[in-house]
């Protein structure tokens, strides 16, 4: 299996909770997140939308970049995302993953709301 070192940022929604990670298998990692296979921060906060990905020739440089980004202020991270992905589009779709399912919220209409 070919390895592709990458740093990625996933988010819960536009300008929502963000998580920065590093992996040698970006597609596999996104599949894990989307199917709830991993436990921890991403699962707890629903940060499964891939909003930024940077590829590297080796894992050492990818880890160095991950540490750099994790030390940044939140505003800098948001600016980085919006510089290349202003709509916070789910980039995982570009790599063949299915769209995220839309949460089903209860409808508030005349029949369900109280007067």
Protein backbone atom coordinates (compact mmCIF):
# COMPACT_ATOMS: atom_id res chain seq x y z
CA UNK A 1 0.00 0.00 0.00
CA UNK A 2 1.36 3.39 -1.01
CA UNK A 3 1.68 5.94 1.78
CA UNK A 4 0.79 9.59 1.29
CA UNK A 5 1.88 11.74 4.25
CA UNK A 6 -0.60 14.56 4.78
CA UNK A 7 -1.73 17.13 7.30
CA UNK A 8 -5.46 17.73 7.35
CA UNK A 9 -8.04 19.89 9.04
CA UNK A 10 -11.54 18.58 9.64
CA UNK A 11 -14.41 20.69 10.90
CA UNK A 12 -17.86 20.16 12.35
CA UNK A 13 -19.31 22.93 10.15
CA UNK A 14 -18.31 26.27 8.64
CA UNK A 15 -16.32 28.12 11.32
CA UNK A 16 -17.17 25.33 13.76
CA UNK A 17 -14.95 23.04 15.77
CA UNK A 18 -11.72 22.20 13.95
CA UNK A 19 -9.22 19.39 14.41
CA UNK A 20 -5.75 19.15 12.90
CA UNK A 21 -4.18 15.76 12.29
CA UNK A 22 -1.47 13.97 10.37
CA UNK A 23 -1.68 10.62 8.59
CA UNK A 24 0.00 8.53 5.93
CA UNK A 25 -3.41 7.36 4.67
CA UNK A 26 -5.73 10.38 4.30
CA UNK A 27 -8.61 8.53 2.60
CA UNK A 28 -8.53 5.75 5.18
CA UNK A 29 -8.53 8.29 8.00
CA UNK A 30 -11.55 10.13 6.56
CA UNK A 31 -13.43 6.83 6.23
CA UNK A 32 -12.67 6.08 9.89
CA UNK A 33 -13.98 9.48 10.96
CA UNK A 34 -17.13 9.29 8.83
CA UNK A 35 -18.04 5.85 10.12
CA UNK A 36 -17.27 6.65 13.76
CA UNK A 37 -14.56 4.00 13.96
CA UNK A 38 -12.22 6.21 15.97
CA UNK A 39 -13.00 7.57 19.40
CA UNK A 40 -11.92 10.91 20.70
CA UNK A 41 -12.12 14.55 19.75
CA UNK A 42 -13.32 14.13 16.16
CA UNK A 43 -16.14 11.78 17.12
CA UNK A 44 -17.13 13.79 20.20
CA UNK A 45 -17.45 17.07 18.28
CA UNK A 46 -18.59 15.71 14.90
CA UNK A 47 -15.62 17.16 13.05
CA UNK A 48 -15.83 14.99 9.93
CA UNK A 49 -15.83 17.57 7.10
CA UNK A 50 -12.40 17.69 5.41
CA UNK A 51 -11.75 21.40 4.86
CA UNK A 52 -7.99 21.47 4.24
CA UNK A 53 -5.35 18.96 3.25
CA UNK A 54 -1.63 19.43 2.57
CA UNK A 55 0.49 16.60 1.15
CA UNK A 56 4.17 15.98 1.95
CA UNK A 57 6.96 13.85 0.55
CA UNK A 58 7.76 12.37 3.95
CA UNK A 59 6.16 11.94 7.34
CA UNK A 60 8.81 13.98 9.15
CA UNK A 61 7.82 17.18 7.32
CA UNK A 62 4.12 16.39 7.70
CA UNK A 63 4.52 16.02 11.48
CA UNK A 64 6.51 19.26 11.63
CA UNK A 65 3.68 21.09 9.81
CA UNK A 66 1.01 19.53 12.05
CA UNK A 67 2.80 20.78 15.16
CA UNK A 68 3.17 24.23 13.61
CA UNK A 69 -0.55 24.46 12.79
CA UNK A 70 -1.64 23.17 16.19
CA UNK A 71 0.33 26.00 17.81
CA UNK A 72 -1.49 28.64 15.75
CA UNK A 73 -4.31 30.82 17.07
CA UNK A 74 -7.80 29.79 15.96
CA UNK A 75 -8.15 32.90 13.76
CA UNK A 76 -5.00 31.96 11.84
CA UNK A 77 -6.35 28.45 11.24
CA UNK A 78 -9.65 29.86 9.96
CA UNK A 79 -7.77 32.26 7.67
CA UNK A 80 -5.70 29.36 6.31
CA UNK A 81 -8.83 27.32 5.55
CA UNK A 82 -10.67 30.23 3.97
CA UNK A 83 -7.69 31.20 1.79
CA UNK A 84 -8.19 28.02 -0.28
CA UNK A 85 -11.67 26.85 0.74
CA UNK A 86 -13.79 29.92 1.53
CA UNK A 87 -17.06 27.97 1.58
CA UNK A 88 -15.66 25.25 3.83
CA UNK A 89 -16.61 22.69 1.17
CA UNK A 90 -16.08 19.04 2.08
CA UNK A 91 -12.90 18.20 0.16
CA UNK A 92 -13.32 14.47 0.82
CA UNK A 93 -15.81 14.43 -2.05
CA UNK A 94 -12.89 15.18 -4.39
CA UNK A 95 -11.30 11.88 -3.30
CA UNK A 96 -14.37 9.74 -3.93
CA UNK A 97 -15.99 9.71 -0.50
CA UNK A 98 -19.76 9.99 -0.20
CA UNK A 99 -21.33 13.23 0.99
CA UNK A 100 -21.92 13.57 4.70
CA UNK A 101 -25.47 12.84 5.72
CA UNK A 102 -27.56 15.82 6.72
CA UNK A 103 -28.78 15.77 10.32
CA UNK A 104 -32.52 15.47 10.63
CA UNK A 105 -33.87 18.15 12.92
CA UNK A 106 -37.48 18.11 14.12
CA UNK A 107 -39.74 20.33 12.07
CA UNK A 108 -41.24 23.30 13.82
CA UNK A 109 -44.47 24.07 12.09
CA UNK A 110 -48.07 24.84 13.06
CA UNK A 111 -48.77 21.22 13.96
CA UNK A 112 -45.80 20.71 16.29
CA UNK A 113 -45.40 24.11 17.92
CA UNK A 114 -47.48 25.20 20.85
CA UNK A 115 -49.50 28.41 20.73
